[in-house]
Amino acid sequence: MTAPRRGRRRRGGEGHEEEVNVERWTVSYMDMVTVMMSLFIVLFAISQVDQQKFFALRDSFAATFGRPPGATVQVLDGGQGVLAADSVVPDPPDVTNYSGGPVQGAEDAGNLLAAQKEVADLQELQRLIQEALEERQAAADVSFAITERGLIIGLVSADVFFAAESAVLTDHALQVIDALSPVLAPRPYELSVEGHANNLPTRRYPTNWELSADRASQVLRRMIDPGQIEPGRMRAVGYGDANPLTAEGLDPLEVNRRVDIVVLSDAPEAVRVLMPQVAAEMEGP
């Protein structure tokens, strides 16, 4: 039996054969695949919700339907979509970074748990340092604060650590540094030693910047010299009189002859930005 000829047919009695595209179904098939791929791309794109834009859209709908900003809007009766009246969407937390801009992802529950753990670790480190200072009866001369940067250990006290226009550590300052250095040594945190000065002009240094940098360097050297803390973990910074501190009951000129030792947190920014609020809540009233 002879197989039928494909792709050609005769017109009438003419000898000319007309070409027939028997595979044109593939064109329609490829068009369908392209449409499906485009559909999935669009579905993927709209599934990535920008929360800030969502809240802006929600408020826009609320205003359109005469509802107060922040109210949810039910577009269709009985609807269960993201804008349904019975859906509960929390407002994003008001957290910003040092530049004043919002921090992406700070509202994630995982970041809050990470911030709580980081604060707990820093509070435990603070407790150990305070115990070491109490053994030397020097706890009253050191302040502590947990900020977005980490744990700030403030060597703040009138005429205890530095004399006027001087970067020479007093005997009491050496005791304090020698008490806290062994506690910080085994910890993995990087340390920033930051010197400060009051706003009075100095005659021993060109400016207060050099004075504050020298104070930071002296503290850093004392923390390194006994071989307790690795030098690669530390840095010294001088801020001059650019970051003044006010403390109740202390003269501003005296209290700003100070050095801060900052235990730098290595957590992501979205975690660190939550730490001050978490610390305040964990400390309680």
Protein backbone atom coordinates (compact mmCIF):
# COMPACT_ATOMS: atom_id res chain seq x y z
CA MET A 1 0.00 0.00 0.00
CA THR A 2 1.42 3.35 -1.02
CA ALA A 3 1.52 6.08 1.67
CA PRO A 4 -0.40 9.26 0.81
CA ARG A 5 1.65 12.26 -0.23
CA ARG A 6 1.83 14.99 2.43
CA GLY A 7 2.11 18.72 2.10
CA ARG A 8 1.00 19.07 -1.51
CA ARG A 9 -2.33 19.08 -3.33
CA ARG A 10 -3.41 19.71 -6.88
CA ARG A 11 -5.76 22.46 -7.92
CA GLY A 12 -8.27 21.25 -10.52
CA GLY A 13 -6.53 19.67 -13.42
CA GLU A 14 -3.47 21.88 -13.16
CA GLY A 15 -0.12 20.30 -12.65
CA HIS A 16 0.94 22.95 -10.11
CA GLU A 17 1.15 21.74 -6.49
CA GLU A 18 0.31 24.17 -3.62
CA GLU A 19 2.41 24.14 -0.45
CA VAL A 20 0.39 23.39 2.73
CA ASN A 21 1.88 24.17 6.19
CA VAL A 22 0.81 21.10 8.14
CA GLU A 23 2.84 22.25 11.21
CA ARG A 24 1.18 25.61 11.72
CA TRP A 25 -0.41 24.26 14.91
CA THR A 26 2.99 24.73 16.53
CA VAL A 27 2.64 28.49 16.12
CA SER A 28 -0.58 28.49 18.14
CA TYR A 29 1.01 26.19 20.69
CA MET A 30 3.99 28.52 21.16
CA ASP A 31 1.64 31.49 21.49
CA MET A 32 -0.21 29.67 24.25
CA VAL A 33 3.05 28.83 26.05
CA THR A 34 4.15 32.47 25.82
CA VAL A 35 0.84 33.67 27.26
CA MET A 36 1.07 31.17 30.12
CA MET A 37 4.64 32.21 30.90
CA SER A 38 3.57 35.87 30.94
CA LEU A 39 0.71 34.97 33.27
CA PHE A 40 3.02 33.25 35.74
CA ILE A 41 5.45 36.18 35.65
CA VAL A 42 2.61 38.58 36.46
CA LEU A 43 1.36 36.31 39.26
CA PHE A 44 4.85 36.13 40.72
CA ALA A 45 5.28 39.90 40.50
CA ILE A 46 2.01 40.70 42.27
CA SER A 47 2.75 38.11 44.96
CA GLN A 48 5.77 40.18 46.11
CA VAL A 49 3.87 42.66 48.25
CA ASP A 50 5.57 45.93 49.14
CA GLN A 51 4.06 46.51 52.58
CA GLN A 52 4.58 50.26 52.54
CA LYS A 53 2.79 50.53 49.18
CA PHE A 54 0.05 48.24 50.46
CA PHE A 55 -0.70 50.55 53.39
CA ALA A 56 -0.73 53.54 51.03
CA LEU A 57 -3.20 51.70 48.77
CA ARG A 58 -5.33 50.73 51.77
CA ASP A 59 -5.55 54.34 52.96
CA SER A 60 -6.39 55.47 49.42
CA PHE A 61 -9.29 53.01 49.25
CA ALA A 62 -10.43 54.05 52.71
CA ALA A 63 -10.51 57.72 51.68
CA THR A 64 -12.43 56.85 48.50
CA PHE A 65 -15.11 55.02 50.48
CA GLY A 66 -15.30 57.72 53.15
CA ARG A 67 -13.48 55.75 55.81
CA PRO A 68 -10.76 57.15 58.11
CA PRO A 69 -7.10 56.44 57.16
CA GLY A 70 -5.98 53.04 58.38
CA ALA A 71 -9.46 51.51 58.17
CA THR A 72 -9.91 48.38 56.10
CA VAL A 73 -12.35 48.37 53.19
CA GLN A 74 -14.55 45.47 52.11
CA VAL A 75 -14.84 45.81 48.34
CA LEU A 76 -17.37 42.98 47.91
CA ASP A 77 -19.82 41.66 50.50
CA GLY A 78 -18.53 38.46 51.95
CA GLY A 79 -15.12 38.99 50.40
CA GLN A 80 -12.12 37.43 52.11
CA GLY A 81 -9.36 39.25 50.23
CA VAL A 82 -6.52 41.26 51.75
CA LEU A 83 -8.78 44.34 51.86
CA ALA A 84 -11.71 42.56 53.50
CA ALA A 85 -13.17 44.20 56.57
CA ASP A 86 -12.40 41.19 58.75
CA SER A 87 -8.78 40.92 57.68
CA VAL A 88 -6.27 42.14 60.25
CA VAL A 89 -3.11 43.76 58.88
CA PRO A 90 -0.81 45.36 61.48
CA ASP A 91 0.68 48.76 60.83
CA PRO A 92 4.42 48.68 60.12
CA PRO A 93 6.65 49.64 63.06
CA ASP A 94 8.05 53.16 63.04
CA VAL A 95 11.74 52.30 62.81
CA THR A 96 14.39 54.30 61.00
CA ASN A 97 18.14 54.19 60.61
CA TYR A 98 20.68 56.92 61.33
CA SER A 99 19.91 58.63 58.02
CA GLY A 100 16.25 58.94 59.01
CA GLY A 101 15.00 56.50 56.37
CA PRO A 102 12.96 53.34 56.98
CA VAL A 103 14.78 50.04 57.37
CA GLN A 104 13.64 47.34 54.97
CA GLY A 105 12.41 44.19 56.71
CA ALA A 106 12.49 45.55 60.26
CA GLU A 107 8.84 44.54 60.73
CA ASP A 108 9.59 40.82 60.25
CA ALA A 109 8.87 38.68 63.29
CA GLY A 110 12.20 36.90 62.89
CA ASN A 111 14.07 40.18 63.25
CA LEU A 112 12.25 40.96 66.50
CA LEU A 113 13.29 37.60 67.94
CA ALA A 114 16.86 38.18 66.79
CA ALA A 115 16.84 41.64 68.42
CA GLN A 116 15.60 40.16 71.69
CA LYS A 117 18.40 37.60 71.65
CA GLU A 118 21.05 40.21 70.83
CA VAL A 119 19.83 42.49 73.62
CA ALA A 120 19.80 39.57 76.06
CA ASP A 121 23.42 38.76 75.16
CA LEU A 122 24.50 42.39 75.61
CA GLN A 123 22.64 42.66 78.92
CA GLU A 124 24.43 39.55 80.16
CA LEU A 125 27.75 41.11 79.12
CA GLN A 126 26.78 44.30 80.98
CA ARG A 127 25.97 42.26 84.10
CA LEU A 128 29.38 40.57 84.04
CA ILE A 129 31.17 43.90 83.61
CA GLN A 130 29.21 45.44 86.49
CA GLU A 131 30.15 42.53 88.74
CA ALA A 132 33.83 42.97 87.86
CA LEU A 133 33.58 46.70 88.58
CA GLU A 134 31.79 46.16 91.88
CA GLU A 135 34.67 43.99 93.05
CA ARG A 136 36.89 47.07 92.62
CA GLN A 137 34.22 49.46 93.94
CA ALA A 138 34.14 51.31 90.63
CA ALA A 139 30.66 50.48 89.29
CA ALA A 140 29.31 53.95 90.07
CA ASP A 141 31.79 55.58 87.70
CA VAL A 142 30.66 53.69 84.58
CA SER A 143 27.40 54.08 82.68
CA PHE A 144 25.73 51.61 80.31
CA ALA A 145 23.30 51.99 77.41
CA ILE A 146 22.08 49.67 74.66
CA THR A 147 21.55 51.51 71.38
CA GLU A 148 21.28 50.62 67.72
CA ARG A 149 25.07 50.32 67.68
CA GLY A 150 25.37 47.88 70.57
CA LEU A 151 26.39 48.26 74.23
CA ILE A 152 27.94 51.63 75.13
CA ILE A 153 30.18 51.57 78.21
CA GLY A 154 30.68 55.18 79.29
CA LEU A 155 33.70 56.13 81.35
CA VAL A 156 32.00 59.19 82.74
CA SER A 157 32.80 60.83 86.06
CA ALA A 158 34.13 64.16 87.21
CA ASP A 159 37.95 64.20 87.36
CA VAL A 160 38.07 60.40 87.72
CA PHE A 161 39.42 59.38 84.32
CA PHE A 162 41.07 62.51 82.88
CA ALA A 163 42.18 65.87 84.19
CA ALA A 164 41.46 69.06 82.27
CA GLU A 165 43.30 69.23 78.92
CA SER A 166 44.90 65.87 79.68
CA ALA A 167 44.87 62.41 78.12
CA VAL A 168 46.76 60.81 81.02
CA LEU A 169 44.75 58.02 82.66
CA THR A 170 44.34 58.36 86.41
CA ASP A 171 44.95 55.44 88.74
CA HIS A 172 41.20 54.98 89.10
CA ALA A 173 40.80 54.93 85.31
CA LEU A 174 43.43 52.18 85.08
CA GLN A 175 41.50 50.14 87.67
CA VAL A 176 38.26 50.46 85.70
CA ILE A 177 39.87 49.53 82.38
CA ASP A 178 41.70 46.58 83.93
CA ALA A 179 38.42 45.33 85.40
CA LEU A 180 36.35 45.39 82.23
CA SER A 181 39.05 44.28 79.73
CA PRO A 182 39.17 40.61 80.87
CA VAL A 183 35.38 40.40 80.50
CA LEU A 184 35.46 41.80 76.95
CA ALA A 185 38.50 39.78 75.84
CA PRO A 186 36.80 36.40 75.15
CA ARG A 187 33.79 37.97 73.44
CA PRO A 188 33.68 38.06 69.60
CA TYR A 189 32.45 41.66 69.38
CA GLU A 190 34.50 44.43 67.77
CA LEU A 191 35.17 47.43 70.01
CA SER A 192 35.19 51.14 69.22
CA VAL A 193 36.99 53.35 71.76
CA GLU A 194 35.64 56.88 71.31
CA GLY A 195 37.20 59.90 72.97
CA HIS A 196 35.41 63.16 73.77
CA ALA A 197 36.24 66.62 75.12
CA ASN A 198 34.35 69.62 76.40
CA ASN A 199 34.00 72.80 74.37
CA LEU A 200 36.74 74.78 76.11
CA PRO A 201 39.78 75.58 73.93
CA THR A 202 42.90 73.60 74.75
CA ARG A 203 46.46 74.91 74.87
CA ARG A 204 48.22 71.55 74.97
CA TYR A 205 46.73 70.32 71.68
CA PRO A 206 46.01 72.10 68.40
CA THR A 207 42.26 71.43 68.86
CA ASN A 208 39.91 69.33 70.96
CA TRP A 209 39.90 66.75 68.17
CA GLU A 210 43.50 65.79 68.92
CA LEU A 211 42.81 65.80 72.66
CA SER A 212 39.81 63.46 72.32
CA ALA A 213 41.70 61.16 69.92
CA ASP A 214 44.61 60.95 72.38
CA ARG A 215 42.25 60.01 75.20
CA ALA A 216 40.75 57.23 73.08
CA SER A 217 44.22 55.99 72.12
CA GLN A 218 45.36 55.86 75.75
CA VAL A 219 42.36 53.75 76.75
CA LEU A 220 42.83 51.46 73.74
CA ARG A 221 46.52 50.94 74.54
CA ARG A 222 45.70 50.04 78.13
CA MET A 223 43.14 47.48 76.94
CA ILE A 224 45.67 45.93 74.54
CA ASP A 225 48.99 46.20 76.46
CA PRO A 226 48.36 43.40 78.97
CA GLY A 227 47.61 41.14 76.01
CA GLN A 228 43.98 40.73 76.94
CA ILE A 229 42.19 41.99 73.83
CA GLU A 230 43.28 41.40 70.22
CA PRO A 231 44.26 44.67 68.51
CA GLY A 232 42.44 43.66 65.33
CA ARG A 233 39.12 43.91 67.13
CA MET A 234 39.65 47.51 68.26
CA ARG A 235 39.72 51.02 66.87
CA ALA A 236 40.17 54.46 68.41
CA VAL A 237 38.14 57.49 67.35
CA GLY A 238 38.18 61.12 68.48
CA TYR A 239 35.01 63.22 68.36
CA GLY A 240 36.28 66.43 69.94
CA ASP A 241 33.37 68.36 71.45
CA ALA A 242 30.94 67.33 68.66
CA ASN A 243 28.91 64.91 70.83
CA PRO A 244 28.40 66.60 74.21
CA LEU A 245 26.81 64.69 77.06
CA THR A 246 24.60 66.10 79.79
CA ALA A 247 24.33 64.25 83.08
CA GLU A 248 22.24 65.29 86.05
CA GLY A 249 24.34 66.50 88.95
CA LEU A 250 27.58 66.73 86.96
CA ASP A 251 29.29 69.74 85.43
CA PRO A 252 29.08 69.55 81.59
CA LEU A 253 32.72 70.68 81.37
CA GLU A 254 33.80 67.76 83.56
CA VAL A 255 31.45 65.06 82.29
CA ASN A 256 32.61 65.52 78.70
CA ARG A 257 36.20 64.64 79.56
CA ARG A 258 35.21 61.10 78.82
CA VAL A 259 35.70 57.99 76.70
CA ASP A 260 33.02 55.59 75.48
CA ILE A 261 33.82 51.95 74.81
CA VAL A 262 31.24 50.69 72.30
CA VAL A 263 30.66 46.95 72.00
CA LEU A 264 29.58 46.90 68.36
CA SER A 265 26.71 44.58 67.45
CA ASP A 266 27.26 42.59 64.27
CA ALA A 267 23.52 41.94 63.75
CA PRO A 268 21.89 43.08 60.47
CA GLU A 269 20.57 46.64 60.40
CA ALA A 270 16.94 45.43 60.39
CA VAL A 271 17.69 43.75 63.74
CA ARG A 272 19.83 46.49 65.30
CA VAL A 273 17.23 49.17 64.64
CA LEU A 274 14.84 47.33 66.95
CA MET A 275 17.31 46.93 69.81
CA PRO A 276 16.73 50.22 71.73
CA GLN A 277 12.99 49.58 71.94
CA VAL A 278 13.52 45.93 72.87
CA ALA A 279 16.04 46.91 75.56
CA ALA A 280 13.61 49.41 77.07
CA GLU A 281 10.86 46.79 77.16
CA MET A 282 13.13 44.13 78.68
CA GLU A 283 14.36 46.49 81.39
CA GLY A 284 10.79 47.36 82.31
CA PRO A 285 9.55 50.50 84.09
